[in-house]
PDB file of N, CA and C in Angstrom:
ATOM      1  N   UNK A   1     -18.047   3.070-115.920  1.00  0.00           N
ATOM      2  CA  UNK A   1     -17.093   2.861-114.846  1.00  0.00           C
ATOM      3  C   UNK A   1     -17.296   3.904-113.747  1.00  0.00           C
ATOM      4  N   UNK A   2     -17.602   5.130-114.151  1.00  0.00           N
ATOM      5  CA  UNK A   2     -17.818   6.178-113.174  1.00  0.00           C
ATOM      6  C   UNK A   2     -19.096   5.918-112.370  1.00  0.00           C
ATOM      7  N   UNK A   3     -20.104   5.301-113.022  1.00  0.00           N
ATOM      8  CA  UNK A   3     -21.344   4.977-112.328  1.00  0.00           C
ATOM      9  C   UNK A   3     -21.090   3.976-111.206  1.00  0.00           C
ATOM     10  N   UNK A   4     -20.249   2.982-111.468  1.00  0.00           N
ATOM     11  CA  UNK A   4     -19.958   1.984-110.443  1.00  0.00           C
ATOM     12  C   UNK A   4     -19.336   2.626-109.217  1.00  0.00           C
ATOM     13  N   UNK A   5     -18.326   3.483-109.421  1.00  0.00           N
ATOM     14  CA  UNK A   5     -17.641   4.073-108.280  1.00  0.00           C
ATOM     15  C   UNK A   5     -18.540   5.046-107.529  1.00  0.00           C
ATOM     16  N   UNK A   6     -19.431   5.731-108.228  1.00  0.00           N
ATOM     17  CA  UNK A   6     -20.386   6.614-107.561  1.00  0.00           C
ATOM     18  C   UNK A   6     -21.326   5.803-106.686  1.00  0.00           C
ATOM     19  N   UNK A   7     -21.871   4.735-107.253  1.00  0.00           N
ATOM     20  CA  UNK A   7     -22.771   3.881-106.472  1.00  0.00           C
ATOM     21  C   UNK A   7     -22.046   3.191-105.322  1.00  0.00           C
ATOM     22  N   UNK A   8     -20.813   2.776-105.567  1.00  0.00           N
ATOM     23  CA  UNK A   8     -20.049   2.106-104.517  1.00  0.00           C
ATOM     24  C   UNK A   8     -19.757   3.058-103.359  1.00  0.00           C
ATOM     25  N   UNK A   9     -19.471   4.311-103.671  1.00  0.00           N
ATOM     26  CA  UNK A   9     -19.214   5.278-102.597  1.00  0.00           C
ATOM     27  C   UNK A   9     -20.491   5.623-101.840  1.00  0.00           C
ATOM     28  N   UNK A  10     -21.624   5.707-102.521  1.00  0.00           N
ATOM     29  CA  UNK A  10     -22.903   5.937-101.829  1.00  0.00           C
ATOM     30  C   UNK A  10     -23.213   4.771-100.902  1.00  0.00           C
ATOM     31  N   UNK A  11     -23.051   3.552-101.414  1.00  0.00           N
ATOM     32  CA  UNK A  11     -23.307   2.368-100.593  1.00  0.00           C
ATOM     33  C   UNK A  11     -22.326   2.265 -99.431  1.00  0.00           C
ATOM     34  N   UNK A  12     -21.079   2.646 -99.668  1.00  0.00           N
ATOM     35  CA  UNK A  12     -20.093   2.647 -98.583  1.00  0.00           C
ATOM     36  C   UNK A  12     -20.446   3.640 -97.491  1.00  0.00           C
ATOM     37  N   UNK A  13     -20.936   4.817 -97.888  1.00  0.00           N
ATOM     38  CA  UNK A  13     -21.356   5.811 -96.896  1.00  0.00           C
ATOM     39  C   UNK A  13     -22.545   5.306 -96.089  1.00  0.00           C
ATOM     40  N   UNK A  14     -23.479   4.638 -96.742  1.00  0.00           N
ATOM     41  CA  UNK A  14     -24.631   4.070 -96.035  1.00  0.00           C
ATOM     42  C   UNK A  14     -24.163   2.993 -95.060  1.00  0.00           C
ATOM     43  N   UNK A  15     -23.224   2.165 -95.502  1.00  0.00           N
ATOM     44  CA  UNK A  15     -22.695   1.117 -94.620  1.00  0.00           C
ATOM     45  C   UNK A  15     -21.981   1.718 -93.410  1.00  0.00           C
ATOM     46  N   UNK A  16     -21.250   2.799 -93.611  1.00  0.00           N
ATOM     47  CA  UNK A  16     -20.585   3.455 -92.480  1.00  0.00           C
ATOM     48  C   UNK A  16     -21.589   4.031 -91.490  1.00  0.00           C
ATOM     49  N   UNK A  17     -22.677   4.579 -91.990  1.00  0.00           N
ATOM     50  CA  UNK A  17     -23.715   5.113 -91.099  1.00  0.00           C
ATOM     51  C   UNK A  17     -24.346   3.992 -90.291  1.00  0.00           C
ATOM     52  N   UNK A  18     -24.645   2.875 -90.946  1.00  0.00           N
ATOM     53  CA  UNK A  18     -25.243   1.739 -90.233  1.00  0.00           C
ATOM     54  C   UNK A  18     -24.264   1.178 -89.205  1.00  0.00           C
ATOM     55  N   UNK A  19     -22.989   1.079 -89.561  1.00  0.00           N
ATOM     56  CA  UNK A  19     -21.987   0.605 -88.604  1.00  0.00           C
ATOM     57  C   UNK A  19     -21.851   1.552 -87.412  1.00  0.00           C
ATOM     58  N   UNK A  20     -21.941   2.859 -87.663  1.00  0.00           N
ATOM     59  CA  UNK A  20     -21.891   3.822 -86.568  1.00  0.00           C
ATOM     60  C   UNK A  20     -23.036   3.579 -85.586  1.00  0.00           C
ATOM     61  N   UNK A  21     -24.256   3.419 -86.111  1.00  0.00           N
ATOM     62  CA  UNK A  21     -25.386   3.174 -85.224  1.00  0.00           C
ATOM     63  C   UNK A  21     -25.282   1.822 -84.526  1.00  0.00           C
ATOM     64  N   UNK A  22     -24.709   0.825 -85.207  1.00  0.00           N
ATOM     65  CA  UNK A  22     -24.534  -0.484 -84.585  1.00  0.00           C
ATOM     66  C   UNK A  22     -23.580  -0.404 -83.400  1.00  0.00           C
ATOM     67  N   UNK A  23     -22.418   0.217 -83.603  1.00  0.00           N
ATOM     68  CA  UNK A  23     -21.450   0.291 -82.512  1.00  0.00           C
ATOM     69  C   UNK A  23     -21.899   1.238 -81.410  1.00  0.00           C
ATOM     70  N   UNK A  24     -22.629   2.283 -81.750  1.00  0.00           N
ATOM     71  CA  UNK A  24     -23.206   3.145 -80.727  1.00  0.00           C
ATOM     72  C   UNK A  24     -24.238   2.381 -79.901  1.00  0.00           C
ATOM     73  N   UNK A  25     -25.040   1.566 -80.569  1.00  0.00           N
ATOM     74  CA  UNK A  25     -26.010   0.739 -79.861  1.00  0.00           C
ATOM     75  C   UNK A  25     -25.362  -0.314 -78.987  1.00  0.00           C
ATOM     76  N   UNK A  26     -24.238  -0.849 -79.436  1.00  0.00           N
ATOM     77  CA  UNK A  26     -23.515  -1.805 -78.593  1.00  0.00           C
ATOM     78  C   UNK A  26     -22.979  -1.137 -77.337  1.00  0.00           C
ATOM     79  N   UNK A  27     -22.514   0.088 -77.473  1.00  0.00           N
ATOM     80  CA  UNK A  27     -21.922   0.760 -76.315  1.00  0.00           C
ATOM     81  C   UNK A  27     -22.970   1.217 -75.309  1.00  0.00           C
ATOM     82  N   UNK A  28     -24.167   1.605 -75.779  1.00  0.00           N
ATOM     83  CA  UNK A  28     -25.174   2.062 -74.815  1.00  0.00           C
ATOM     84  C   UNK A  28     -26.184   0.983 -74.429  1.00  0.00           C
ATOM     85  N   UNK A  29     -26.074  -0.193 -75.005  1.00  0.00           N
ATOM     86  CA  UNK A  29     -26.915  -1.306 -74.601  1.00  0.00           C
ATOM     87  C   UNK A  29     -28.209  -1.462 -75.372  1.00  0.00           C
ATOM     88  N   UNK A  30     -28.468  -0.615 -76.358  1.00  0.00           N
ATOM     89  CA  UNK A  30     -29.714  -0.755 -77.110  1.00  0.00           C
ATOM     90  C   UNK A  30     -29.645  -1.890 -78.132  1.00  0.00           C
ATOM     91  N   UNK A  31     -28.444  -2.296 -78.524  1.00  0.00           N
ATOM     92  CA  UNK A  31     -28.275  -3.505 -79.325  1.00  0.00           C
ATOM     93  C   UNK A  31     -27.941  -4.617 -78.351  1.00  0.00           C
ATOM     94  N   UNK A  32     -28.878  -5.536 -78.187  1.00  0.00           N
ATOM     95  CA  UNK A  32     -28.708  -6.596 -77.201  1.00  0.00           C
ATOM     96  C   UNK A  32     -28.949  -7.946 -77.873  1.00  0.00           C
ATOM     97  N   UNK A  33     -28.975  -8.985 -77.094  1.00  0.00           N
ATOM     98  CA  UNK A  33     -29.220 -10.315 -77.642  1.00  0.00           C
ATOM     99  C   UNK A  33     -30.638 -10.444 -78.186  1.00  0.00           C
ATOM    100  N   UNK A  34     -31.538  -9.575 -77.750  1.00  0.00           N
ATOM    101  CA  UNK A  34     -32.920  -9.609 -78.224  1.00  0.00           C
ATOM    102  C   UNK A  34     -33.008  -9.237 -79.708  1.00  0.00           C
ATOM    103  N   UNK A  35     -32.253  -8.236 -80.122  1.00  0.00           N
ATOM    104  CA  UNK A  35     -32.335  -7.791 -81.513  1.00  0.00           C
ATOM    105  C   UNK A  35     -31.031  -7.976 -82.284  1.00  0.00           C
ATOM    106  N   UNK A  36     -30.145  -8.800 -81.784  1.00  0.00           N
ATOM    107  CA  UNK A  36     -28.861  -9.005 -82.456  1.00  0.00           C
ATOM    108  C   UNK A  36     -29.036  -9.693 -83.800  1.00  0.00           C
ATOM    109  N   UNK A  37     -29.974 -10.609 -83.935  1.00  0.00           N
ATOM    110  CA  UNK A  37     -30.163 -11.292 -85.217  1.00  0.00           C
ATOM    111  C   UNK A  37     -30.630 -10.308 -86.292  1.00  0.00           C
ATOM    112  N   UNK A  38     -31.457  -9.352 -85.925  1.00  0.00           N
ATOM    113  CA  UNK A  38     -31.879  -8.334 -86.874  1.00  0.00           C
ATOM    114  C   UNK A  38     -30.696  -7.487 -87.337  1.00  0.00           C
ATOM    115  N   UNK A  39     -29.862  -7.077 -86.385  1.00  0.00           N
ATOM    116  CA  UNK A  39     -28.683  -6.283 -86.729  1.00  0.00           C
ATOM    117  C   UNK A  39     -27.718  -7.081 -87.595  1.00  0.00           C
ATOM    118  N   UNK A  40     -27.510  -8.340 -87.271  1.00  0.00           N
ATOM    119  CA  UNK A  40     -26.596  -9.156 -88.064  1.00  0.00           C
ATOM    120  C   UNK A  40     -27.132  -9.395 -89.469  1.00  0.00           C
ATOM    121  N   UNK A  41     -28.447  -9.502 -89.622  1.00  0.00           N
ATOM    122  CA  UNK A  41     -29.047  -9.645 -90.947  1.00  0.00           C
ATOM    123  C   UNK A  41     -28.854  -8.370 -91.766  1.00  0.00           C
ATOM    124  N   UNK A  42     -29.016  -7.215 -91.137  1.00  0.00           N
ATOM    125  CA  UNK A  42     -28.815  -5.938 -91.830  1.00  0.00           C
ATOM    126  C   UNK A  42     -27.355  -5.797 -92.254  1.00  0.00           C
ATOM    127  N   UNK A  43     -26.431  -6.073 -91.334  1.00  0.00           N
ATOM    128  CA  UNK A  43     -25.004  -5.969 -91.661  1.00  0.00           C
ATOM    129  C   UNK A  43     -24.591  -6.992 -92.714  1.00  0.00           C
ATOM    130  N   UNK A  44     -25.164  -8.179 -92.661  1.00  0.00           N
ATOM    131  CA  UNK A  44     -24.885  -9.192 -93.680  1.00  0.00           C
ATOM    132  C   UNK A  44     -25.409  -8.787 -95.049  1.00  0.00           C
ATOM    133  N   UNK A  45     -26.588  -8.175 -95.089  1.00  0.00           N
ATOM    134  CA  UNK A  45     -27.123  -7.684 -96.355  1.00  0.00           C
ATOM    135  C   UNK A  45     -26.265  -6.581 -96.954  1.00  0.00           C
ATOM    136  N   UNK A  46     -25.803  -5.677 -96.091  1.00  0.00           N
ATOM    137  CA  UNK A  46     -24.900  -4.623 -96.566  1.00  0.00           C
ATOM    138  C   UNK A  46     -23.606  -5.216 -97.119  1.00  0.00           C
ATOM    139  N   UNK A  47     -23.053  -6.182 -96.411  1.00  0.00           N
ATOM    140  CA  UNK A  47     -21.810  -6.817 -96.863  1.00  0.00           C
ATOM    141  C   UNK A  47     -22.039  -7.580 -98.170  1.00  0.00           C
ATOM    142  N   UNK A  48     -23.202  -8.212 -98.311  1.00  0.00           N
ATOM    143  CA  UNK A  48     -23.497  -8.957 -99.540  1.00  0.00           C
ATOM    144  C   UNK A  48     -23.622  -8.016-100.736  1.00  0.00           C
ATOM    145  N   UNK A  49     -24.251  -6.871-100.532  1.00  0.00           N
ATOM    146  CA  UNK A  49     -24.396  -5.923-101.643  1.00  0.00           C
ATOM    147  C   UNK A  49     -23.053  -5.329-102.027  1.00  0.00           C
ATOM    148  N   UNK A  50     -22.285  -4.865-101.039  1.00  0.00           N
ATOM    149  CA  UNK A  50     -20.975  -4.280-101.347  1.00  0.00           C
ATOM    150  C   UNK A  50     -20.007  -5.325-101.905  1.00  0.00           C
ATOM    151  N   UNK A  51     -19.948  -6.465-101.272  1.00  0.00           N
ATOM    152  CA  UNK A  51     -19.049  -7.522-101.736  1.00  0.00           C
ATOM    153  C   UNK A  51     -19.462  -8.100-103.078  1.00  0.00           C
ATOM    154  N   UNK A  52     -20.769  -8.267-103.277  1.00  0.00           N
ATOM    155  CA  UNK A  52     -21.247  -8.783-104.558  1.00  0.00           C
ATOM    156  C   UNK A  52     -20.969  -7.826-105.698  1.00  0.00           C
ATOM    157  N   UNK A  53     -21.167  -6.534-105.453  1.00  0.00           N
ATOM    158  CA  UNK A  53     -20.853  -5.549-106.482  1.00  0.00           C
ATOM    159  C   UNK A  53     -19.376  -5.537-106.819  1.00  0.00           C
ATOM    160  N   UNK A  54     -18.545  -5.608-105.795  1.00  0.00           N
ATOM    161  CA  UNK A  54     -17.093  -5.615-106.009  1.00  0.00           C
ATOM    162  C   UNK A  54     -16.647  -6.869-106.778  1.00  0.00           C
ATOM    163  N   UNK A  55     -17.188  -8.027-106.398  1.00  0.00           N
ATOM    164  CA  UNK A  55     -16.810  -9.270-107.084  1.00  0.00           C
ATOM    165  C   UNK A  55     -17.284  -9.288-108.529  1.00  0.00           C
ATOM    166  N   UNK A  56     -18.491  -8.788-108.777  1.00  0.00           N
ATOM    167  CA  UNK A  56     -18.982  -8.756-110.155  1.00  0.00           C
ATOM    168  C   UNK A  56     -18.136  -7.824-111.019  1.00  0.00           C
ATOM    169  N   UNK A  57     -17.735  -6.696-110.457  1.00  0.00           N
ATOM    170  CA  UNK A  57     -16.891  -5.773-111.218  1.00  0.00           C
ATOM    171  C   UNK A  57     -15.523  -6.380-111.489  1.00  0.00           C
ATOM    172  N   UNK A  58     -14.957  -7.045-110.506  1.00  0.00           N
ATOM    173  CA  UNK A  58     -13.634  -7.633-110.697  1.00  0.00           C
ATOM    174  C   UNK A  58     -13.668  -8.817-111.659  1.00  0.00           C
ATOM    175  N   UNK A  59     -14.833  -9.436-111.835  1.00  0.00           N
ATOM    176  CA  UNK A  59     -14.957 -10.542-112.782  1.00  0.00           C
ATOM    177  C   UNK A  59     -15.403 -10.090-114.169  1.00  0.00           C
ATOM    178  N   UNK A  60     -15.453  -8.780-114.405  1.00  0.00           N
ATOM    179  CA  UNK A  60     -15.751  -8.290-115.738  1.00  0.00           C
ATOM    180  C   UNK A  60     -17.211  -8.040-116.037  1.00  0.00           C
ATOM    181  N   UNK A  61     -18.034  -7.835-115.023  1.00  0.00           N
ATOM    182  CA  UNK A  61     -19.457  -7.545-115.217  1.00  0.00           C
ATOM    183  C   UNK A  61     -19.809  -6.202-114.587  1.00  0.00           C
ATOM    184  N   UNK A  62     -19.358  -5.093-115.179  1.00  0.00           N
ATOM    185  CA  UNK A  62     -19.565  -3.797-114.519  1.00  0.00           C
ATOM    186  C   UNK A  62     -21.029  -3.362-114.489  1.00  0.00           C
ATOM    187  N   UNK A  63     -21.806  -3.698-115.524  1.00  0.00           N
ATOM    188  CA  UNK A  63     -23.206  -3.282-115.529  1.00  0.00           C
ATOM    189  C   UNK A  63     -24.033  -4.077-114.523  1.00  0.00           C
ATOM    190  N   UNK A  64     -23.751  -5.346-114.395  1.00  0.00           N
ATOM    191  CA  UNK A  64     -24.435  -6.164-113.397  1.00  0.00           C
ATOM    192  C   UNK A  64     -24.039  -5.736-111.985  1.00  0.00           C
ATOM    193  N   UNK A  65     -22.776  -5.366-111.817  1.00  0.00           N
ATOM    194  CA  UNK A  65     -22.307  -4.874-110.521  1.00  0.00           C
ATOM    195  C   UNK A  65     -23.007  -3.570-110.162  1.00  0.00           C
ATOM    196  N   UNK A  66     -23.182  -2.684-111.126  1.00  0.00           N
ATOM    197  CA  UNK A  66     -23.901  -1.436-110.869  1.00  0.00           C
ATOM    198  C   UNK A  66     -25.363  -1.714-110.527  1.00  0.00           C
ATOM    199  N   UNK A  67     -25.937  -2.719-111.150  1.00  0.00           N
ATOM    200  CA  UNK A  67     -27.309  -3.099-110.829  1.00  0.00           C
ATOM    201  C   UNK A  67     -27.449  -3.600-109.403  1.00  0.00           C
ATOM    202  N   UNK A  68     -26.473  -4.359-108.946  1.00  0.00           N
ATOM    203  CA  UNK A  68     -26.497  -4.840-107.561  1.00  0.00           C
ATOM    204  C   UNK A  68     -26.351  -3.669-106.595  1.00  0.00           C
ATOM    205  N   UNK A  69     -25.469  -2.735-106.921  1.00  0.00           N
ATOM    206  CA  UNK A  69     -25.274  -1.580-106.040  1.00  0.00           C
ATOM    207  C   UNK A  69     -26.464  -0.630-106.047  1.00  0.00           C
ATOM    208  N   UNK A  70     -27.271  -0.663-107.108  1.00  0.00           N
ATOM    209  CA  UNK A  70     -28.478   0.166-107.157  1.00  0.00           C
ATOM    210  C   UNK A  70     -29.523  -0.272-106.134  1.00  0.00           C
ATOM    211  N   UNK A  71     -29.474  -1.526-105.704  1.00  0.00           N
ATOM    212  CA  UNK A  71     -30.437  -2.035-104.718  1.00  0.00           C
ATOM    213  C   UNK A  71     -30.390  -1.198-103.450  1.00  0.00           C
ATOM    214  N   UNK A  72     -29.216  -0.804-103.032  1.00  0.00           N
ATOM    215  CA  UNK A  72     -29.056   0.014-101.836  1.00  0.00           C
ATOM    216  C   UNK A  72     -28.880   1.490-102.167  1.00  0.00           C
ATOM    217  N   UNK A  73     -28.324   1.782-103.331  1.00  0.00           N
ATOM    218  CA  UNK A  73     -28.013   3.163-103.677  1.00  0.00           C
ATOM    219  C   UNK A  73     -29.227   4.038-103.918  1.00  0.00           C
ATOM    220  N   UNK A  74     -30.227   3.522-104.610  1.00  0.00           N
ATOM    221  CA  UNK A  74     -31.406   4.339-104.923  1.00  0.00           C
ATOM    222  C   UNK A  74     -32.188   4.711-103.666  1.00  0.00           C
ATOM    223  N   UNK A  75     -32.558   3.761-102.793  1.00  0.00           N
ATOM    224  CA  UNK A  75     -33.274   4.171-101.576  1.00  0.00           C
ATOM    225  C   UNK A  75     -32.438   5.072-100.673  1.00  0.00           C
ATOM    226  N   UNK A  76     -31.141   4.819-100.591  1.00  0.00           N
ATOM    227  CA  UNK A  76     -30.287   5.662 -99.764  1.00  0.00           C
ATOM    228  C   UNK A  76     -30.187   7.077-100.297  1.00  0.00           C
ATOM    229  N   UNK A  77     -30.075   7.211-101.611  1.00  0.00           N
ATOM    230  CA  UNK A  77     -30.009   8.526-102.219  1.00  0.00           C
ATOM    231  C   UNK A  77     -31.334   9.273-102.080  1.00  0.00           C
ATOM    232  N   UNK A  78     -32.444   8.576-102.263  1.00  0.00           N
ATOM    233  CA  UNK A  78     -33.752   9.212-102.094  1.00  0.00           C
ATOM    234  C   UNK A  78     -33.977   9.662-100.652  1.00  0.00           C
ATOM    235  N   UNK A  79     -33.566   8.856 -99.689  1.00  0.00           N
ATOM    236  CA  UNK A  79     -33.700   9.245 -98.292  1.00  0.00           C
ATOM    237  C   UNK A  79     -32.805  10.437 -97.972  1.00  0.00           C
ATOM    238  N   UNK A  80     -31.601  10.447 -98.517  1.00  0.00           N
ATOM    239  CA  UNK A  80     -30.713  11.586 -98.316  1.00  0.00           C
ATOM    240  C   UNK A  80     -31.283  12.867 -98.900  1.00  0.00           C
ATOM    241  N   UNK A  81     -31.906  12.779-100.080  1.00  0.00           N
ATOM    242  CA  UNK A  81     -32.553  13.951-100.664  1.00  0.00           C
ATOM    243  C   UNK A  81     -33.742  14.410 -99.839  1.00  0.00           C
ATOM    244  N   UNK A  82     -34.484  13.467 -99.259  1.00  0.00           N
ATOM    245  CA  UNK A  82     -35.608  13.827 -98.387  1.00  0.00           C
ATOM    246  C   UNK A  82     -35.116  14.573 -97.154  1.00  0.00           C
ATOM    247  N   UNK A  83     -34.076  14.061 -96.512  1.00  0.00           N
ATOM    248  CA  UNK A  83     -33.534  14.726 -95.320  1.00  0.00           C
ATOM    249  C   UNK A  83     -32.984  16.104 -95.684  1.00  0.00           C
ATOM    250  N   UNK A  84     -32.318  16.215 -96.830  1.00  0.00           N
ATOM    251  CA  UNK A  84     -31.806  17.512 -97.262  1.00  0.00           C
ATOM    252  C   UNK A  84     -32.934  18.506 -97.519  1.00  0.00           C
ATOM    253  N   UNK A  85     -34.026  18.030 -98.116  1.00  0.00           N
ATOM    254  CA  UNK A  85     -35.157  18.926 -98.363  1.00  0.00           C
ATOM    255  C   UNK A  85     -35.834  19.337 -97.065  1.00  0.00           C
ATOM    256  N   UNK A  86     -35.889  18.467 -96.079  1.00  0.00           N
ATOM    257  CA  UNK A  86     -36.455  18.837 -94.781  1.00  0.00           C
ATOM    258  C   UNK A  86     -35.589  19.888 -94.109  1.00  0.00           C
ATOM    259  N   UNK A  87     -34.281  19.750 -94.212  1.00  0.00           N
ATOM    260  CA  UNK A  87     -33.380  20.737 -93.618  1.00  0.00           C
ATOM    261  C   UNK A  87     -33.505  22.083 -94.314  1.00  0.00           C
ATOM    262  N   UNK A  88     -33.575  22.066 -95.636  1.00  0.00           N
ATOM    263  CA  UNK A  88     -33.618  23.333 -96.378  1.00  0.00           C
ATOM    264  C   UNK A  88     -34.988  23.993 -96.293  1.00  0.00           C
ATOM    265  N   UNK A  89     -36.043  23.241 -96.504  1.00  0.00           N
ATOM    266  CA  UNK A  89     -37.390  23.827 -96.586  1.00  0.00           C
ATOM    267  C   UNK A  89     -38.012  24.093 -95.210  1.00  0.00           C
ATOM    268  N   UNK A  90     -37.608  23.386 -94.193  1.00  0.00           N
ATOM    269  CA  UNK A  90     -38.132  23.498 -92.836  1.00  0.00           C
ATOM    270  C   UNK A  90     -39.668  23.504 -92.814  1.00  0.00           C
ATOM    271  N   UNK A  91     -40.284  22.392 -93.208  1.00  0.00           N
ATOM    272  CA  UNK A  91     -41.748  22.352 -93.299  1.00  0.00           C
ATOM    273  C   UNK A  91     -42.402  22.346 -91.919  1.00  0.00           C
ATOM    274  N   UNK A  92     -43.639  22.759 -91.905  1.00  0.00           N
ATOM    275  CA  UNK A  92     -44.445  22.663 -90.682  1.00  0.00           C
ATOM    276  C   UNK A  92     -45.177  21.342 -90.702  1.00  0.00           C
ATOM    277  N   UNK A  93     -45.040  20.555 -89.654  1.00  0.00           N
ATOM    278  CA  UNK A  93     -45.582  19.201 -89.627  1.00  0.00           C
ATOM    279  C   UNK A  93     -46.942  19.130 -88.935  1.00  0.00           C
ATOM    280  N   UNK A  94     -47.486  20.255 -88.508  1.00  0.00           N
ATOM    281  CA  UNK A  94     -48.777  20.203 -87.809  1.00  0.00           C
ATOM    282  C   UNK A  94     -49.945  20.377 -88.734  1.00  0.00           C
TER     283      UNK A  94
END
């Protein structure tokens, strides 16, 4: 049960970050009709993962729900660890 809520909170944080960039792009014009279908597909995928995990858990399938949330949670967590290591280690890129 604790695994589900951990994964759900990681996925929720990722969704909030994507929504922030979406609304920022809407305000400055970088999200336009040219790339709106791409943005809507990304937002729909996020909603499907979060909603699917929530529905599976509410229907009594907590392990399957955690598996669905792992689809977004593992890459997001690995990327977060990469960014944290870049901040801490300050590598030279040349």
